[in-house]
């Protein structure tokens, strides 16, 4: 498969950055950022395979999993404890 002429690595770099941010902003925002970053990295891999987009894809998957776990943990454990303390 021939690589497209003039295709840069902007999407891969953006996806990598969003992958890091999805881990930092774990929660609902982290889920949204991870999905967008994953799409960016996937498109970059389809156009021109680069290492940074592959690492970004891995970071986005990790960020998505961490964010989902954080939301589940917060809604099942932390929120009820806060409700008991406030009452």
C-alpha atoms as a PDB file:
ATOM      1  CA  UNK A   1       0.000   0.000   0.000  1.00  0.00           C
ATOM      2  CA  UNK A   2       1.507   3.299  -1.060  1.00  0.00           C
ATOM      3  CA  UNK A   3       1.691   6.148   1.400  1.00  0.00           C
ATOM      4  CA  UNK A   4      -0.201   9.285   0.459  1.00  0.00           C
ATOM      5  CA  UNK A   5       1.904  12.193  -0.734  1.00  0.00           C
ATOM      6  CA  UNK A   6       1.951  15.245   1.518  1.00  0.00           C
ATOM      7  CA  UNK A   7       0.289  13.588   4.505  1.00  0.00           C
ATOM      8  CA  UNK A   8       1.911  14.781   7.728  1.00  0.00           C
ATOM      9  CA  UNK A   9       1.787  13.519  11.239  1.00  0.00           C
ATOM     10  CA  UNK A  10      -0.523  16.180  12.693  1.00  0.00           C
ATOM     11  CA  UNK A  11      -3.321  13.780  13.551  1.00  0.00           C
ATOM     12  CA  UNK A  12      -0.895  11.366  15.187  1.00  0.00           C
ATOM     13  CA  UNK A  13       0.623  14.093  17.325  1.00  0.00           C
ATOM     14  CA  UNK A  14      -2.803  15.446  18.254  1.00  0.00           C
ATOM     15  CA  UNK A  15      -4.019  11.950  19.107  1.00  0.00           C
ATOM     16  CA  UNK A  16      -0.944  11.347  21.267  1.00  0.00           C
ATOM     17  CA  UNK A  17      -1.549  14.600  23.142  1.00  0.00           C
ATOM     18  CA  UNK A  18      -5.214  13.768  23.637  1.00  0.00           C
ATOM     19  CA  UNK A  19      -4.196  10.324  24.916  1.00  0.00           C
ATOM     20  CA  UNK A  20      -2.077  11.904  27.644  1.00  0.00           C
ATOM     21  CA  UNK A  21      -4.874  14.355  28.490  1.00  0.00           C
ATOM     22  CA  UNK A  22      -7.447  11.540  28.673  1.00  0.00           C
ATOM     23  CA  UNK A  23      -5.424   9.957  31.467  1.00  0.00           C
ATOM     24  CA  UNK A  24      -4.976  13.267  33.313  1.00  0.00           C
ATOM     25  CA  UNK A  25      -8.661  14.251  33.048  1.00  0.00           C
ATOM     26  CA  UNK A  26     -10.108  10.878  34.055  1.00  0.00           C
ATOM     27  CA  UNK A  27     -13.897  10.892  34.194  1.00  0.00           C
ATOM     28  CA  UNK A  28     -16.525  11.943  31.687  1.00  0.00           C
ATOM     29  CA  UNK A  29     -14.158  14.426  30.053  1.00  0.00           C
ATOM     30  CA  UNK A  30     -11.478  11.730  29.819  1.00  0.00           C
ATOM     31  CA  UNK A  31     -13.866   9.401  27.983  1.00  0.00           C
ATOM     32  CA  UNK A  32     -14.702  12.063  25.405  1.00  0.00           C
ATOM     33  CA  UNK A  33     -11.062  13.043  24.937  1.00  0.00           C
ATOM     34  CA  UNK A  34      -9.996   9.393  24.588  1.00  0.00           C
ATOM     35  CA  UNK A  35     -12.592   8.705  21.892  1.00  0.00           C
ATOM     36  CA  UNK A  36     -11.593  11.776  19.860  1.00  0.00           C
ATOM     37  CA  UNK A  37      -7.880  11.027  20.285  1.00  0.00           C
ATOM     38  CA  UNK A  38      -8.419   7.407  19.301  1.00  0.00           C
ATOM     39  CA  UNK A  39     -10.169   8.486  16.111  1.00  0.00           C
ATOM     40  CA  UNK A  40      -7.300  10.859  15.288  1.00  0.00           C
ATOM     41  CA  UNK A  41      -4.699   8.124  15.802  1.00  0.00           C
ATOM     42  CA  UNK A  42      -6.695   5.566  13.836  1.00  0.00           C
ATOM     43  CA  UNK A  43      -7.049   7.931  10.859  1.00  0.00           C
ATOM     44  CA  UNK A  44      -3.319   8.712  11.017  1.00  0.00           C
ATOM     45  CA  UNK A  45      -2.468   5.004  11.023  1.00  0.00           C
ATOM     46  CA  UNK A  46      -4.686   4.460   7.976  1.00  0.00           C
ATOM     47  CA  UNK A  47      -3.045   7.319   6.028  1.00  0.00           C
ATOM     48  CA  UNK A  48       0.563   6.995   7.126  1.00  0.00           C
ATOM     49  CA  UNK A  49       1.805   4.571   9.764  1.00  0.00           C
ATOM     50  CA  UNK A  50       3.793   6.356  12.447  1.00  0.00           C
ATOM     51  CA  UNK A  51       5.063   5.303  15.826  1.00  0.00           C
ATOM     52  CA  UNK A  52       3.616   8.333  17.637  1.00  0.00           C
ATOM     53  CA  UNK A  53       0.110   7.519  16.432  1.00  0.00           C
ATOM     54  CA  UNK A  54       0.488   3.912  17.562  1.00  0.00           C
ATOM     55  CA  UNK A  55       1.632   5.050  21.019  1.00  0.00           C
ATOM     56  CA  UNK A  56      -1.191   7.609  21.034  1.00  0.00           C
ATOM     57  CA  UNK A  57      -3.718   4.887  20.247  1.00  0.00           C
ATOM     58  CA  UNK A  58      -2.435   2.830  23.187  1.00  0.00           C
ATOM     59  CA  UNK A  59      -2.596   5.887  25.478  1.00  0.00           C
ATOM     60  CA  UNK A  60      -6.161   6.610  24.368  1.00  0.00           C
ATOM     61  CA  UNK A  61      -7.252   3.045  25.119  1.00  0.00           C
ATOM     62  CA  UNK A  62      -5.606   3.227  28.557  1.00  0.00           C
ATOM     63  CA  UNK A  63      -7.192   6.637  29.175  1.00  0.00           C
ATOM     64  CA  UNK A  64     -10.604   5.323  28.149  1.00  0.00           C
ATOM     65  CA  UNK A  65     -10.333   2.340  30.510  1.00  0.00           C
ATOM     66  CA  UNK A  66      -9.076   4.497  33.405  1.00  0.00           C
ATOM     67  CA  UNK A  67     -11.867   7.011  32.828  1.00  0.00           C
ATOM     68  CA  UNK A  68     -14.588   4.365  32.722  1.00  0.00           C
ATOM     69  CA  UNK A  69     -13.235   2.771  35.897  1.00  0.00           C
ATOM     70  CA  UNK A  70     -13.134   6.178  37.582  1.00  0.00           C
ATOM     71  CA  UNK A  71     -16.752   6.940  36.625  1.00  0.00           C
ATOM     72  CA  UNK A  72     -17.935   3.524  37.838  1.00  0.00           C
ATOM     73  CA  UNK A  73     -15.952   3.805  41.086  1.00  0.00           C
ATOM     74  CA  UNK A  74     -17.209   7.328  41.711  1.00  0.00           C
ATOM     75  CA  UNK A  75     -20.855   6.509  41.059  1.00  0.00           C
ATOM     76  CA  UNK A  76     -20.910   3.300  43.122  1.00  0.00           C
ATOM     77  CA  UNK A  77     -18.561   4.031  46.020  1.00  0.00           C
ATOM     78  CA  UNK A  78     -17.557   7.657  46.426  1.00  0.00           C
ATOM     79  CA  UNK A  79     -20.875   9.418  45.728  1.00  0.00           C
ATOM     80  CA  UNK A  80     -22.850   7.369  48.288  1.00  0.00           C
ATOM     81  CA  UNK A  81     -20.157   8.026  50.919  1.00  0.00           C
ATOM     82  CA  UNK A  82     -20.364  11.750  50.257  1.00  0.00           C
ATOM     83  CA  UNK A  83     -24.156  11.550  50.598  1.00  0.00           C
ATOM     84  CA  UNK A  84     -23.841   9.816  53.992  1.00  0.00           C
ATOM     85  CA  UNK A  85     -21.362  12.375  55.299  1.00  0.00           C
ATOM     86  CA  UNK A  86     -23.482  15.310  54.137  1.00  0.00           C
ATOM     87  CA  UNK A  87     -26.652  13.940  55.747  1.00  0.00           C
END
